[in-house]
């Protein structure tokens, strides 16, 4: 269930929107488990822990983005 809602978000947004992920999980679990007489009241997402390779890739992307911003800010205004 988490795998179906996380791919729609970029990693930074996923970390900042745990409540949205929890709501998606709750909604999906509620529809599945109601058939068996269960009611899901809340789904708690305490932490997102992506694979190490995903973390490394995101760090590289963020580092590259910061370098672009720094270069752009160091250019004269006419060249921006």
N, C-alpha and C. Protein backbone atom coordinates (compact mmCIF):
# COMPACT_ATOMS: atom_id res chain seq x y z
N UNK A 1 0.81 -1.18 0.00
CA UNK A 1 0.00 0.00 0.00
C UNK A 1 0.86 1.26 0.00
N UNK A 2 1.90 1.24 0.81
CA UNK A 2 2.82 2.38 0.82
C UNK A 2 3.51 2.49 -0.52
N UNK A 3 3.82 1.35 -1.10
CA UNK A 3 4.50 1.36 -2.39
C UNK A 3 3.65 1.96 -3.50
N UNK A 4 2.34 1.95 -3.32
CA UNK A 4 1.50 2.54 -4.35
C UNK A 4 1.31 4.04 -4.17
N UNK A 5 1.55 4.56 -2.97
CA UNK A 5 1.38 6.00 -2.76
C UNK A 5 2.70 6.75 -2.80
N UNK A 6 3.79 6.14 -2.39
CA UNK A 6 5.09 6.81 -2.38
C UNK A 6 5.59 7.15 -3.78
N UNK A 7 5.48 6.27 -4.77
CA UNK A 7 6.03 6.61 -6.08
C UNK A 7 5.42 7.86 -6.72
N UNK A 8 4.25 8.26 -6.26
CA UNK A 8 3.64 9.47 -6.80
C UNK A 8 4.31 10.74 -6.26
N UNK A 9 5.14 10.59 -5.23
CA UNK A 9 5.78 11.74 -4.60
C UNK A 9 7.29 11.68 -4.82
N UNK A 10 7.94 12.85 -4.91
CA UNK A 10 9.39 12.80 -4.90
C UNK A 10 9.82 12.55 -3.45
N UNK A 11 11.05 12.11 -3.26
CA UNK A 11 11.48 11.67 -1.94
C UNK A 11 11.39 12.76 -0.89
N UNK A 12 11.78 13.97 -1.24
CA UNK A 12 11.70 15.08 -0.28
C UNK A 12 10.26 15.32 0.15
N UNK A 13 9.34 15.28 -0.80
CA UNK A 13 7.94 15.49 -0.48
C UNK A 13 7.39 14.34 0.34
N UNK A 14 7.82 13.13 0.05
CA UNK A 14 7.36 11.97 0.82
C UNK A 14 7.74 12.11 2.29
N UNK A 15 8.97 12.55 2.56
CA UNK A 15 9.39 12.73 3.93
C UNK A 15 8.61 13.83 4.63
N UNK A 16 8.27 14.86 3.92
CA UNK A 16 7.57 15.98 4.54
C UNK A 16 6.06 15.76 4.61
N UNK A 17 5.56 14.71 3.99
CA UNK A 17 4.11 14.49 3.99
C UNK A 17 3.75 13.10 4.48
N UNK A 18 4.28 12.72 5.62
CA UNK A 18 3.96 11.42 6.20
C UNK A 18 2.46 11.28 6.46
N UNK A 19 1.80 12.40 6.77
CA UNK A 19 0.36 12.35 7.03
C UNK A 19 -0.41 11.93 5.78
N UNK A 20 0.02 12.44 4.62
CA UNK A 20 -0.64 12.05 3.37
C UNK A 20 -0.44 10.56 3.10
N UNK A 21 0.76 10.07 3.38
CA UNK A 21 1.06 8.65 3.18
C UNK A 21 0.21 7.83 4.14
N UNK A 22 0.12 8.25 5.40
CA UNK A 22 -0.68 7.54 6.39
C UNK A 22 -2.15 7.51 5.99
N UNK A 23 -2.66 8.60 5.46
CA UNK A 23 -4.05 8.64 5.01
C UNK A 23 -4.28 7.68 3.85
N UNK A 24 -3.34 7.64 2.92
CA UNK A 24 -3.47 6.71 1.79
C UNK A 24 -3.46 5.27 2.27
N UNK A 25 -2.59 4.96 3.22
CA UNK A 25 -2.53 3.60 3.77
C UNK A 25 -3.84 3.27 4.48
N UNK A 26 -4.32 4.20 5.31
CA UNK A 26 -5.57 3.98 6.04
C UNK A 26 -6.73 3.73 5.09
N UNK A 27 -6.83 4.54 4.04
CA UNK A 27 -7.93 4.38 3.09
C UNK A 27 -7.88 3.03 2.39
N UNK A 28 -6.70 2.62 1.98
CA UNK A 28 -6.59 1.33 1.30
C UNK A 28 -6.85 0.17 2.25
N UNK A 29 -6.31 0.25 3.46
CA UNK A 29 -6.55 -0.81 4.43
C UNK A 29 -8.02 -0.87 4.82
N UNK A 30 -8.64 0.28 4.98
CA UNK A 30 -10.06 0.32 5.36
C UNK A 30 -10.92 -0.42 4.34
N UNK A 31 -10.67 -0.15 3.07
CA UNK A 31 -11.49 -0.80 2.05
C UNK A 31 -11.24 -2.31 1.99
N UNK A 32 -10.00 -2.72 2.22
CA UNK A 32 -9.68 -4.15 2.19
C UNK A 32 -10.19 -4.88 3.43
N UNK A 33 -10.00 -4.30 4.58
CA UNK A 33 -10.31 -4.99 5.82
C UNK A 33 -11.77 -4.91 6.22
N UNK A 34 -12.53 -3.99 5.64
CA UNK A 34 -13.96 -3.90 5.98
C UNK A 34 -14.71 -5.17 5.57
N UNK A 35 -14.21 -5.86 4.55
CA UNK A 35 -14.81 -7.12 4.12
C UNK A 35 -14.76 -8.18 5.23
N UNK A 36 -13.79 -8.05 6.13
CA UNK A 36 -13.61 -9.02 7.20
C UNK A 36 -14.13 -8.53 8.54
N UNK A 37 -14.83 -7.37 8.52
CA UNK A 37 -15.43 -6.85 9.74
C UNK A 37 -14.52 -5.96 10.57
N UNK A 38 -13.37 -5.59 10.04
CA UNK A 38 -12.46 -4.71 10.76
C UNK A 38 -12.66 -3.27 10.32
N UNK A 39 -12.48 -2.37 11.28
CA UNK A 39 -12.52 -0.94 10.98
C UNK A 39 -11.15 -0.35 11.32
N UNK A 40 -10.51 0.25 10.36
CA UNK A 40 -9.21 0.88 10.58
C UNK A 40 -9.46 2.32 11.00
N UNK A 41 -9.00 2.66 12.19
CA UNK A 41 -9.22 4.01 12.70
C UNK A 41 -8.12 4.96 12.29
N UNK A 42 -6.89 4.48 12.30
CA UNK A 42 -5.76 5.34 11.95
C UNK A 42 -4.60 4.46 11.50
N UNK A 43 -3.80 4.99 10.62
CA UNK A 43 -2.56 4.32 10.20
C UNK A 43 -1.42 5.25 10.56
N UNK A 44 -0.49 4.75 11.35
CA UNK A 44 0.61 5.57 11.82
C UNK A 44 1.85 5.30 10.98
N UNK A 45 2.39 6.34 10.38
CA UNK A 45 3.66 6.24 9.65
C UNK A 45 4.69 6.97 10.49
N UNK A 46 5.59 6.20 11.08
CA UNK A 46 6.57 6.82 11.97
C UNK A 46 7.84 7.22 11.26
N UNK A 47 8.22 6.46 10.24
CA UNK A 47 9.47 6.77 9.55
C UNK A 47 9.44 6.17 8.16
N UNK A 48 10.08 6.84 7.24
CA UNK A 48 10.28 6.31 5.90
C UNK A 48 11.76 5.98 5.78
N UNK A 49 12.06 4.78 5.37
CA UNK A 49 13.45 4.35 5.31
C UNK A 49 13.75 3.76 3.94
N UNK A 50 14.09 4.62 2.98
CA UNK A 50 14.40 4.11 1.64
C UNK A 50 15.73 3.36 1.62
N UNK A 51 15.90 2.58 0.59
CA UNK A 51 17.13 1.83 0.40
C UNK A 51 18.32 2.78 0.36
N UNK A 52 19.48 2.28 0.77
CA UNK A 52 20.69 3.11 0.81
C UNK A 52 21.03 3.69 -0.56
N UNK A 53 20.81 2.92 -1.62
CA UNK A 53 21.11 3.43 -2.96
C UNK A 53 20.20 4.61 -3.33
N UNK A 54 18.96 4.57 -2.84
CA UNK A 54 18.03 5.68 -3.09
C UNK A 54 18.49 6.92 -2.32
N UNK A 55 18.91 6.72 -1.09
CA UNK A 55 19.41 7.85 -0.29
C UNK A 55 20.64 8.47 -0.95
N UNK A 56 21.56 7.63 -1.42
CA UNK A 56 22.76 8.14 -2.08
C UNK A 56 22.42 8.92 -3.34
N UNK A 57 21.49 8.39 -4.12
CA UNK A 57 21.08 9.07 -5.35
C UNK A 57 20.45 10.42 -5.04
N UNK A 58 19.60 10.47 -4.02
CA UNK A 58 18.97 11.74 -3.65
C UNK A 58 20.00 12.75 -3.15
N UNK A 59 21.00 12.29 -2.41
CA UNK A 59 22.05 13.19 -1.96
C UNK A 59 22.83 13.76 -3.13
N UNK A 60 23.10 12.94 -4.14
CA UNK A 60 23.79 13.42 -5.34
C UNK A 60 22.94 14.44 -6.09
N UNK A 61 21.66 14.16 -6.22
CA UNK A 61 20.75 15.08 -6.92
C UNK A 61 20.69 16.41 -6.19
N UNK A 62 20.51 16.35 -4.86
CA UNK A 62 20.43 17.58 -4.08
C UNK A 62 21.74 18.35 -4.12
N UNK A 63 22.87 17.63 -4.07
CA UNK A 63 24.17 18.29 -4.17
C UNK A 63 24.35 18.99 -5.50
N UNK A 64 23.94 18.33 -6.58
CA UNK A 64 24.03 18.94 -7.91
C UNK A 64 23.14 20.16 -8.03
N UNK A 65 21.95 20.07 -7.45
CA UNK A 65 21.02 21.20 -7.47
C UNK A 65 21.62 22.39 -6.74
N UNK A 66 22.23 22.14 -5.58
CA UNK A 66 22.84 23.24 -4.82
C UNK A 66 23.99 23.87 -5.59
N UNK A 67 24.76 23.06 -6.30
CA UNK A 67 25.85 23.61 -7.11
C UNK A 67 25.32 24.51 -8.21
N UNK A 68 24.25 24.12 -8.84
CA UNK A 68 23.64 24.94 -9.90
C UNK A 68 23.18 26.27 -9.33
N UNK A 69 22.53 26.23 -8.16
CA UNK A 69 22.04 27.46 -7.52
C UNK A 69 23.22 28.36 -7.18
N UNK A 70 24.28 27.79 -6.62
CA UNK A 70 25.46 28.60 -6.25
C UNK A 70 26.09 29.24 -7.47
N UNK A 71 26.21 28.46 -8.56
CA UNK A 71 26.79 29.03 -9.79
C UNK A 71 25.92 30.15 -10.33
N UNK A 72 24.62 29.91 -10.33
CA UNK A 72 23.70 30.92 -10.85
C UNK A 72 23.78 32.20 -10.02
N UNK A 73 23.86 32.06 -8.71
CA UNK A 73 23.93 33.23 -7.84
C UNK A 73 25.26 33.96 -7.93
N UNK A 74 26.30 33.28 -8.39
CA UNK A 74 27.60 33.94 -8.51
C UNK A 74 27.77 34.67 -9.84
N UNK A 75 26.85 34.44 -10.79
CA UNK A 75 26.91 35.12 -12.08
C UNK A 75 26.46 36.56 -11.96
N UNK A 76 26.97 37.45 -12.79
CA UNK A 76 26.42 38.80 -12.82
C UNK A 76 24.95 38.76 -13.22
N UNK A 77 24.21 39.72 -12.76
CA UNK A 77 22.76 39.73 -12.99
C UNK A 77 22.41 39.62 -14.46
N UNK A 78 23.16 40.23 -15.33
CA UNK A 78 22.87 40.22 -16.77
C UNK A 78 22.97 38.80 -17.35
N UNK A 79 23.75 37.92 -16.74
CA UNK A 79 23.94 36.56 -17.27
C UNK A 79 22.99 35.55 -16.64
N UNK A 80 22.20 35.92 -15.67
CA UNK A 80 21.29 34.96 -14.99
C UNK A 80 20.14 34.60 -15.83
